[in-house]
Amino acid sequence: MLSSRQNKLLKLIVESYIRQAKPVSSNQLCKKLKCSSATIRSEMASLEDLGYLEKTHTSSGRVPSEEGYRYYVDNLMEAKKMNGEDMLKLQIIFHNQSLALNDCISKSLQVVSDMTSYTAVVLGKTSHENLLKEVSVVPLSEKQLIVIVVTDKGKVEHKNITLENVSMNDIKKTIELINNLIVGTPIDEVSTKLEFEIKPIIAKYVKQHQQLYNAIYNVFTDITNPDISVVGRTKFLEQPEFDNVDKIRSLFKKLDDTDLLQKIKRDESNNIEVYIGSENKLDNDVTVIKTNFKTDSEEGTLAIIGPKRMEYDRVVSILEYLKENIER
């Protein structure tokens, strides 16, 4: 365990580096800790030996190591209430009764990204965890209709499709076949069943079977795409740690990798979880702070991604506020 003075010292260094993005020297800390510069240097050297601080090549000051950030989050970070301005911006969204929940989440993440200068991500429940409950159609005109897909989790998706010279009777037959034969199938397996089980049957009973089959198949293909939204990718360009072109190019590529982003949802905890550097599966130079949410109709994960030099206390309070309002 660290001494009381070492705890205070490490906390000051972490919070100073988060604010200024500059290595912290002993001279900056003397007045705050009421110690001599020599004493501070000795304590900083001890914290470095313990792995909580690192020296930079360009300065005599120290910066927090990955272990230092972890110790800070677990032992030193104090709960921080959201300031009134941040809360008001989000309240306007959540109090807007005309917005659907998905729109509230999307707009709130955009606001959070702008407030914090970090990247925000929302990941929906993966398609294999949703079973097909029902398919229905609503005619809009002779050629256009809406296909509505409902899952057992209460998730509802709809797609507009256009059909030429297909009778409503044939459409109803096809929808009945789907509901009778593949309800209860995981959404990401529906396309395969449509191809090998439903298509041969549709061909026997429906005249324009190919056109109708193709339209329904495309609906399910669209729905099974990963439900991921990334807001504020370019916020990393505002961070001094990411002024290297190769580093930022690599990170942007990872933020476009849906399989990699899905790994953010690696646990089912309802708490706020903090993954620093090598602890996350995304990138060693970033921190991912996430939480899961669940309502009667939606389940998913919210995550804020930023440099390891992140305002941990502020981001945690913002995520807690988002989770509370989404689940309300």
Protein backbone atom coordinates (compact mmCIF):
# COMPACT_ATOMS: atom_id res chain seq x y z
CA MET A 1 0.00 0.00 0.00
CA LEU A 2 1.09 3.55 -0.67
CA SER A 3 1.61 6.04 2.11
CA SER A 4 -0.83 8.90 2.59
CA ARG A 5 1.63 11.32 0.99
CA GLN A 6 2.24 9.02 -1.97
CA ASN A 7 -1.51 8.72 -2.50
CA LYS A 8 -1.88 12.50 -2.52
CA LEU A 9 1.12 12.85 -4.81
CA LEU A 10 -0.09 10.28 -7.33
CA LYS A 11 -3.59 11.77 -7.35
CA LEU A 12 -2.17 15.25 -8.02
CA ILE A 13 0.06 14.00 -10.82
CA VAL A 14 -2.71 12.04 -12.54
CA GLU A 15 -5.20 14.90 -12.37
CA SER A 16 -2.62 17.48 -13.44
CA TYR A 17 -1.58 15.38 -16.42
CA ILE A 18 -5.23 14.80 -17.40
CA ARG A 19 -5.83 18.56 -17.44
CA GLN A 20 -2.61 19.76 -19.05
CA ALA A 21 -1.23 16.81 -21.04
CA LYS A 22 2.25 17.83 -19.85
CA PRO A 23 4.71 15.89 -17.65
CA VAL A 24 4.49 16.96 -14.01
CA SER A 25 7.64 18.20 -12.29
CA SER A 26 8.46 18.21 -8.56
CA ASN A 27 8.47 22.02 -8.49
CA GLN A 28 4.78 22.11 -9.47
CA LEU A 29 3.86 20.02 -6.43
CA CYS A 30 5.90 21.55 -3.62
CA LYS A 31 3.36 24.18 -2.59
CA LYS A 32 0.39 21.83 -2.77
CA LEU A 33 2.04 19.17 -0.62
CA LYS A 34 4.08 21.60 1.51
CA CYS A 35 7.23 19.56 0.99
CA SER A 36 10.65 20.34 -0.38
CA SER A 37 11.45 19.62 -3.98
CA ALA A 38 13.95 16.96 -2.88
CA THR A 39 11.25 15.14 -0.88
CA ILE A 40 8.85 15.23 -3.82
CA ARG A 41 11.54 13.92 -6.19
CA SER A 42 12.26 11.07 -3.80
CA GLU A 43 8.58 10.12 -3.56
CA MET A 44 8.18 10.38 -7.33
CA ALA A 45 11.16 8.07 -7.77
CA SER A 46 9.52 5.58 -5.39
CA LEU A 47 6.25 5.74 -7.35
CA GLU A 48 8.23 5.17 -10.54
CA ASP A 49 9.95 2.13 -9.01
CA LEU A 50 6.53 0.79 -8.05
CA GLY A 51 5.36 1.17 -11.66
CA TYR A 52 2.83 3.96 -11.13
CA LEU A 53 4.80 6.74 -12.87
CA GLU A 54 6.92 6.95 -15.99
CA LYS A 55 9.61 9.34 -17.16
CA THR A 56 9.32 10.91 -20.58
CA HIS A 57 12.23 11.41 -22.94
CA THR A 58 11.49 15.09 -23.46
CA SER A 59 11.14 16.26 -19.86
CA SER A 60 12.37 15.64 -16.36
CA GLY A 61 8.76 15.42 -15.20
CA ARG A 62 6.70 12.27 -14.75
CA VAL A 63 3.48 10.99 -16.29
CA PRO A 64 1.12 8.29 -15.00
CA SER A 65 1.72 4.76 -16.24
CA GLU A 66 -1.11 2.40 -17.10
CA GLU A 67 -0.77 0.94 -13.59
CA GLY A 68 -0.87 4.47 -12.18
CA TYR A 69 -4.17 5.20 -13.91
CA ARG A 70 -5.58 1.90 -12.67
CA TYR A 71 -4.55 2.64 -9.08
CA TYR A 72 -6.07 6.12 -9.40
CA VAL A 73 -9.41 4.78 -10.69
CA ASP A 74 -9.61 2.02 -8.07
CA ASN A 75 -8.37 3.92 -5.01
CA LEU A 76 -8.06 7.68 -5.48
CA MET A 77 -10.74 8.91 -7.87
CA GLU A 78 -13.53 10.81 -6.16
CA ALA A 79 -17.11 10.80 -7.39
CA LYS A 80 -17.79 13.89 -9.45
CA LYS A 81 -21.28 15.30 -9.89
CA MET A 82 -22.24 16.41 -13.37
CA ASN A 83 -22.14 20.15 -13.76
CA GLY A 84 -25.39 21.98 -14.52
CA GLU A 85 -24.49 22.79 -18.10
CA ASP A 86 -23.76 19.16 -19.03
CA MET A 87 -26.91 17.95 -17.30
CA LEU A 88 -29.13 20.55 -18.98
CA LYS A 89 -27.91 19.58 -22.46
CA LEU A 90 -28.85 15.95 -21.84
CA GLN A 91 -32.10 16.73 -20.02
CA ILE A 92 -33.38 18.59 -23.09
CA ILE A 93 -33.00 15.37 -25.09
CA PHE A 94 -34.45 12.94 -22.54
CA HIS A 95 -37.41 15.23 -21.77
CA ASN A 96 -38.35 15.48 -25.44
CA GLN A 97 -41.43 13.24 -25.57
CA SER A 98 -41.45 13.19 -29.38
CA LEU A 99 -38.15 11.30 -29.57
CA ALA A 100 -38.02 7.50 -29.69
CA LEU A 101 -35.55 5.83 -27.31
CA ASN A 102 -33.07 5.05 -30.10
CA ASP A 103 -33.12 8.72 -31.15
CA CYS A 104 -32.59 9.83 -27.54
CA ILE A 105 -29.57 7.56 -27.22
CA SER A 106 -28.11 8.66 -30.55
CA LYS A 107 -28.56 12.38 -29.87
CA SER A 108 -27.30 12.13 -26.28
CA LEU A 109 -24.11 10.38 -27.41
CA GLN A 110 -23.49 13.15 -29.94
CA VAL A 111 -23.84 15.70 -27.13
CA VAL A 112 -21.54 13.67 -24.84
CA SER A 113 -18.92 13.40 -27.58
CA ASP A 114 -19.01 17.16 -28.12
CA MET A 115 -18.90 17.88 -24.36
CA THR A 116 -15.96 15.62 -23.63
CA SER A 117 -14.05 15.56 -26.94
CA TYR A 118 -14.09 11.76 -26.74
CA THR A 119 -15.59 9.12 -29.03
CA ALA A 120 -18.94 7.63 -28.03
CA VAL A 121 -20.27 4.21 -29.05
CA VAL A 122 -23.60 2.43 -28.64
CA LEU A 123 -23.82 -1.28 -29.33
CA GLY A 124 -27.20 -2.98 -29.59
CA LYS A 125 -27.97 -6.54 -28.62
CA THR A 126 -26.30 -8.88 -31.13
CA SER A 127 -28.61 -10.52 -33.65
CA HIS A 128 -27.98 -14.11 -32.49
CA GLU A 129 -29.46 -13.13 -29.13
CA ASN A 130 -32.73 -12.07 -30.80
CA LEU A 131 -35.19 -14.72 -31.98
CA LEU A 132 -37.70 -14.06 -34.74
CA LYS A 133 -41.16 -13.61 -33.22
CA GLU A 134 -43.24 -12.32 -36.13
CA VAL A 135 -43.09 -10.87 -39.64
CA SER A 136 -45.89 -8.68 -41.00
CA VAL A 137 -46.46 -6.33 -43.93
CA VAL A 138 -48.27 -3.04 -44.32
CA PRO A 139 -49.18 -1.97 -47.90
CA LEU A 140 -48.37 1.65 -48.76
CA SER A 141 -49.38 1.49 -52.43
CA GLU A 142 -49.69 -1.05 -55.24
CA LYS A 143 -45.91 -1.37 -55.43
CA GLN A 144 -44.64 -0.33 -52.02
CA LEU A 145 -45.02 -1.92 -48.62
CA ILE A 146 -43.38 -1.98 -45.21
CA VAL A 147 -42.01 -5.24 -43.85
CA ILE A 148 -42.07 -5.29 -40.04
CA VAL A 149 -39.89 -7.74 -38.11
CA VAL A 150 -40.43 -8.29 -34.37
CA THR A 151 -38.05 -10.24 -32.12
CA ASP A 152 -38.65 -11.98 -28.81
CA LYS A 153 -36.73 -9.19 -27.05
CA GLY A 154 -39.32 -6.66 -28.21
CA LYS A 155 -37.02 -5.20 -30.87
CA VAL A 156 -38.96 -3.93 -33.89
CA GLU A 157 -37.35 -3.27 -37.28
CA HIS A 158 -39.07 -2.11 -40.43
CA LYS A 159 -37.93 -1.78 -44.03
CA ASN A 160 -39.62 -0.28 -47.08
CA ILE A 161 -39.58 -2.53 -50.17
CA THR A 162 -40.82 -2.09 -53.73
CA LEU A 163 -42.33 -4.96 -55.73
CA GLU A 164 -43.45 -5.00 -59.36
CA ASN A 165 -46.57 -7.00 -60.35
CA VAL A 166 -46.72 -9.05 -57.16
CA SER A 167 -50.22 -9.70 -55.81
CA MET A 168 -51.09 -9.05 -52.19
CA ASN A 169 -52.30 -12.64 -52.03
CA ASP A 170 -48.81 -13.93 -52.91
CA ILE A 171 -47.26 -11.59 -50.37
CA LYS A 172 -49.59 -12.88 -47.63
CA LYS A 173 -48.80 -16.50 -48.54
CA THR A 174 -45.08 -15.83 -48.25
CA ILE A 175 -45.39 -14.07 -44.89
CA GLU A 176 -47.56 -16.93 -43.57
CA LEU A 177 -44.94 -19.47 -44.63
CA ILE A 178 -42.20 -17.52 -42.86
CA ASN A 179 -44.25 -17.18 -39.67
CA ASN A 180 -45.23 -20.86 -39.70
CA LEU A 181 -41.80 -22.28 -40.44
CA ILE A 182 -39.05 -20.12 -38.99
CA VAL A 183 -40.48 -18.19 -36.03
CA GLY A 184 -38.16 -18.83 -33.07
CA THR A 185 -35.05 -18.84 -35.24
CA PRO A 186 -32.13 -16.54 -34.21
CA ILE A 187 -32.25 -13.49 -36.47
CA ASP A 188 -28.75 -14.09 -37.83
CA GLU A 189 -29.77 -17.57 -38.97
CA VAL A 190 -32.97 -16.53 -40.75
CA SER A 191 -31.28 -15.73 -44.08
CA THR A 192 -29.81 -19.24 -44.26
CA LYS A 193 -33.17 -20.84 -43.49
CA LEU A 194 -34.84 -18.63 -46.08
CA GLU A 195 -32.37 -19.79 -48.72
CA PHE A 196 -32.47 -23.51 -48.07
CA GLU A 197 -35.86 -24.17 -46.46
CA ILE A 198 -38.30 -21.42 -47.43
CA LYS A 199 -37.24 -20.56 -50.98
CA PRO A 200 -38.09 -24.03 -52.44
CA ILE A 201 -41.53 -23.91 -50.79
CA ILE A 202 -42.26 -20.35 -51.96
CA ALA A 203 -41.43 -21.42 -55.53
CA LYS A 204 -44.26 -23.98 -55.41
CA TYR A 205 -47.00 -21.63 -54.18
CA VAL A 206 -46.08 -18.12 -55.34
CA LYS A 207 -45.92 -16.91 -58.95
CA GLN A 208 -43.46 -14.04 -58.59
CA HIS A 209 -41.49 -15.97 -56.01
CA GLN A 210 -37.99 -14.82 -57.02
CA GLN A 211 -38.71 -11.11 -56.74
CA LEU A 212 -40.59 -11.54 -53.48
CA TYR A 213 -37.97 -13.86 -52.02
CA ASN A 214 -35.14 -11.46 -52.91
CA ALA A 215 -36.93 -8.56 -51.21
CA ILE A 216 -37.58 -10.50 -47.98
CA TYR A 217 -34.05 -11.92 -47.97
CA ASN A 218 -32.58 -8.41 -48.27
CA VAL A 219 -34.71 -7.22 -45.35
CA PHE A 220 -33.22 -9.84 -43.02
CA THR A 221 -29.70 -9.26 -44.34
CA ASP A 222 -29.99 -5.58 -43.41
CA ILE A 223 -31.40 -6.35 -39.97
CA THR A 224 -28.64 -8.81 -39.05
CA ASN A 225 -25.89 -6.26 -39.67
CA PRO A 226 -24.26 -5.35 -36.33
CA ASP A 227 -26.24 -2.65 -34.53
CA ILE A 228 -23.34 -0.30 -33.80
CA SER A 229 -23.12 3.47 -33.89
CA VAL A 230 -19.83 5.34 -33.45
CA VAL A 231 -19.99 9.08 -32.78
CA GLY A 232 -17.06 11.47 -32.83
CA ARG A 233 -14.26 9.41 -34.39
CA THR A 234 -12.41 12.62 -35.26
CA LYS A 235 -12.31 13.71 -31.61
CA PHE A 236 -9.05 11.79 -31.34
CA LEU A 237 -7.50 14.37 -33.65
CA GLU A 238 -7.96 16.90 -30.83
CA GLN A 239 -5.84 14.83 -28.43
CA PRO A 240 -2.07 15.52 -28.38
CA GLU A 241 -1.32 11.81 -27.86
CA PHE A 242 -2.68 11.10 -31.33
CA ASP A 243 -0.70 13.54 -33.46
CA ASN A 244 1.03 10.66 -35.23
CA VAL A 245 -0.51 9.90 -38.64
CA ASP A 246 0.16 6.16 -38.48
CA LYS A 247 -1.29 5.90 -34.96
CA ILE A 248 -4.49 7.76 -35.86
CA ARG A 249 -4.89 5.78 -39.07
CA SER A 250 -4.60 2.53 -37.14
CA LEU A 251 -7.12 3.68 -34.53
CA PHE A 252 -9.66 4.84 -37.13
CA LYS A 253 -9.38 1.44 -38.81
CA LYS A 254 -10.17 -0.24 -35.49
CA LEU A 255 -13.18 2.03 -34.92
CA ASP A 256 -14.53 0.80 -38.27
CA ASP A 257 -14.02 -2.86 -37.35
CA THR A 258 -17.44 -4.06 -36.15
CA ASP A 259 -16.09 -7.40 -34.89
CA LEU A 260 -13.51 -5.57 -32.77
CA LEU A 261 -16.07 -3.10 -31.42
CA GLN A 262 -18.35 -5.98 -30.45
CA LYS A 263 -15.66 -7.10 -27.98
CA ILE A 264 -16.45 -4.02 -25.90
CA LYS A 265 -19.54 -5.96 -24.76
CA ARG A 266 -17.44 -8.69 -23.18
CA ASP A 267 -19.21 -8.83 -19.83
CA GLU A 268 -22.77 -8.62 -18.56
CA SER A 269 -22.04 -6.34 -15.62
CA ASN A 270 -24.51 -3.55 -14.93
CA ASN A 271 -21.79 -1.43 -13.34
CA ILE A 272 -19.61 1.20 -14.95
CA GLU A 273 -16.49 -0.65 -16.13
CA VAL A 274 -13.14 1.00 -16.91
CA TYR A 275 -10.65 -0.71 -19.26
CA ILE A 276 -7.31 1.10 -19.44
CA GLY A 277 -4.82 0.51 -22.25
CA SER A 278 -3.94 -3.18 -22.53
CA GLU A 279 -7.03 -4.07 -20.46
CA ASN A 280 -9.31 -3.38 -23.43
CA LYS A 281 -9.43 -5.27 -26.72
CA LEU A 282 -9.48 -2.15 -28.88
CA ASP A 283 -6.16 -0.34 -28.58
CA ASN A 284 -3.36 -0.11 -25.99
CA ASP A 285 -3.29 3.67 -26.21
CA VAL A 286 -6.92 4.26 -25.27
CA THR A 287 -9.27 3.82 -22.33
CA VAL A 288 -12.77 2.39 -22.76
CA ILE A 289 -15.38 3.22 -20.12
CA LYS A 290 -18.65 1.36 -20.63
CA THR A 291 -21.92 0.32 -19.10
CA ASN A 292 -24.80 -1.89 -20.16
CA PHE A 293 -28.42 -0.75 -20.26
CA LYS A 294 -31.70 -2.63 -20.41
CA THR A 295 -35.29 -1.50 -20.95
CA ASP A 296 -38.48 -3.40 -21.79
CA SER A 297 -37.67 -3.16 -25.51
CA GLU A 298 -33.94 -2.46 -25.78
CA GLU A 299 -30.65 -3.85 -24.51
CA GLY A 300 -27.22 -2.58 -25.32
CA THR A 301 -23.91 -1.10 -24.27
CA LEU A 302 -22.78 2.51 -24.04
CA ALA A 303 -19.06 3.23 -24.22
CA ILE A 304 -16.87 6.32 -24.14
CA ILE A 305 -13.44 5.92 -25.75
CA GLY A 306 -10.62 8.37 -25.24
CA PRO A 307 -6.92 8.62 -24.46
CA LYS A 308 -5.63 7.03 -21.25
CA ARG A 309 -5.34 10.63 -20.08
CA MET A 310 -9.12 10.73 -19.74
CA GLU A 311 -11.34 12.65 -17.30
CA TYR A 312 -12.34 9.42 -15.60
CA ASP A 313 -14.48 10.98 -12.86
CA ARG A 314 -16.45 13.09 -15.34
CA VAL A 315 -17.02 10.29 -17.84
CA VAL A 316 -18.19 7.87 -15.14
CA SER A 317 -20.77 10.38 -13.88
CA ILE A 318 -22.00 11.06 -17.43
CA LEU A 319 -22.43 7.35 -18.17
CA GLU A 320 -24.27 6.85 -14.89
CA TYR A 321 -26.63 9.68 -15.86
CA LEU A 322 -27.21 8.25 -19.36
CA LYS A 323 -27.90 4.75 -18.03
CA GLU A 324 -30.31 6.07 -15.41
CA ASN A 325 -32.31 8.10 -17.94
CA ILE A 326 -32.39 5.39 -20.62
CA GLU A 327 -33.70 2.81 -18.16
CA ARG A 328 -36.19 5.19 -16.53
